[in-house]
Amino acid sequence: MNSNAIWQAITKHAGEEFRTVTGLSFTYEVNGGHVRPSRTNWNIARSDFEKVIDRMPVESVTDISNLVRGSSYILAILRDPRIGADGG
């Protein structure tokens, strides 16, 4: 799946519940080229998602924590079967 298709899926599922690997529940909003998780007051850029998409499959959050902001949220979203970035 390419990054445009993945971004469309991310946009489509905005407002739905997701869970981090530690089990924290969150939703998110998409505003232009940014995602804002409900548990934060900051945005995650689409470019950060694309950096992780290029490295999929990613084993753990620590593999990308120095690469992007919001690594736990990015990985939770991308690994979710609704998004399909991890082969789901």
Protein backbone atom coordinates (compact mmCIF):
# COMPACT_ATOMS: atom_id res chain seq x y z
CA MET A 1 0.00 0.00 0.00
CA ASN A 2 1.42 3.41 -0.90
CA SER A 3 1.64 6.41 1.40
CA ASN A 4 -1.24 8.25 -0.34
CA ALA A 5 -3.60 5.29 0.17
CA ILE A 6 -2.48 4.98 3.78
CA TRP A 7 -3.04 8.70 4.38
CA GLN A 8 -6.55 8.38 2.89
CA ALA A 9 -7.25 5.51 5.32
CA ILE A 10 -5.89 7.58 8.22
CA THR A 11 -8.19 10.45 7.22
CA LYS A 12 -11.18 8.12 6.81
CA HIS A 13 -10.82 6.70 10.33
CA ALA A 14 -10.29 10.00 12.15
CA GLY A 15 -12.43 10.14 15.28
CA GLU A 16 -12.43 6.38 15.79
CA GLU A 17 -10.82 4.72 18.80
CA PHE A 18 -7.29 3.38 18.52
CA ARG A 19 -4.96 1.90 21.15
CA THR A 20 -1.26 2.31 21.71
CA VAL A 21 0.89 -0.78 22.30
CA THR A 22 0.57 -0.08 26.04
CA GLY A 23 -3.23 -0.09 25.74
CA LEU A 24 -3.94 3.64 25.99
CA SER A 25 -7.13 4.53 24.15
CA PHE A 26 -7.10 7.59 21.88
CA THR A 27 -8.81 9.16 18.90
CA TYR A 28 -7.35 11.68 16.48
CA GLU A 29 -8.29 14.53 14.17
CA VAL A 30 -6.77 15.17 10.76
CA ASN A 31 -6.19 18.81 9.87
CA GLY A 32 -4.55 19.20 6.47
CA GLY A 33 -1.25 17.38 6.65
CA HIS A 34 -1.32 16.77 10.39
CA VAL A 35 -2.81 14.33 12.89
CA ARG A 36 -3.68 15.52 16.40
CA PRO A 37 -4.11 12.67 18.90
CA SER A 38 -6.74 13.26 21.59
CA ARG A 39 -4.23 12.61 24.38
CA THR A 40 -1.87 15.42 23.27
CA ASN A 41 -1.95 19.11 22.48
CA TRP A 42 0.42 18.88 19.51
CA ASN A 43 0.32 17.72 15.89
CA ILE A 44 2.10 14.89 14.12
CA ALA A 45 3.06 15.75 10.55
CA ARG A 46 2.12 13.54 7.62
CA SER A 47 5.83 13.49 6.76
CA ASP A 48 6.50 11.70 10.06
CA PHE A 49 3.98 9.02 9.11
CA GLU A 50 5.69 8.69 5.72
CA LYS A 51 9.09 8.19 7.38
CA VAL A 52 7.68 5.27 9.35
CA ILE A 53 5.75 3.85 6.38
CA ASP A 54 9.06 3.63 4.52
CA ARG A 55 10.44 1.47 7.35
CA MET A 56 7.46 -0.87 7.82
CA PRO A 57 7.26 -3.36 9.31
CA VAL A 58 8.58 -1.75 12.50
CA GLU A 59 9.14 -4.05 15.48
CA SER A 60 8.70 -1.54 18.32
CA VAL A 61 8.22 2.10 19.18
CA THR A 62 11.88 2.35 20.19
CA ASP A 63 12.86 1.62 16.58
CA ILE A 64 11.36 4.93 15.48
CA SER A 65 11.32 7.11 18.62
CA ASN A 66 14.41 9.06 17.57
CA LEU A 67 13.09 9.45 14.02
CA VAL A 68 9.64 10.99 14.55
CA ARG A 69 7.50 12.81 17.08
CA GLY A 70 4.56 10.82 18.45
CA SER A 71 6.04 7.42 17.64
CA SER A 72 3.60 5.49 19.84
CA TYR A 73 0.61 7.12 18.13
CA ILE A 74 2.05 6.72 14.65
CA LEU A 75 2.77 3.03 15.20
CA ALA A 76 -0.65 2.41 16.76
CA ILE A 77 -2.37 3.99 13.77
CA LEU A 78 -0.22 2.36 11.10
CA ARG A 79 -0.41 -1.13 12.62
CA ASP A 80 -4.19 -1.03 12.93
CA PRO A 81 -5.93 -3.28 10.36
CA ARG A 82 -8.22 -0.38 9.35
CA ILE A 83 -5.18 1.46 8.02
CA GLY A 84 -3.39 -1.46 6.41
CA ALA A 85 0.19 -0.19 6.53
CA ASP A 86 1.40 -3.31 8.33
CA GLY A 87 -0.12 -5.74 5.87
CA GLY A 88 -3.48 -5.69 7.66
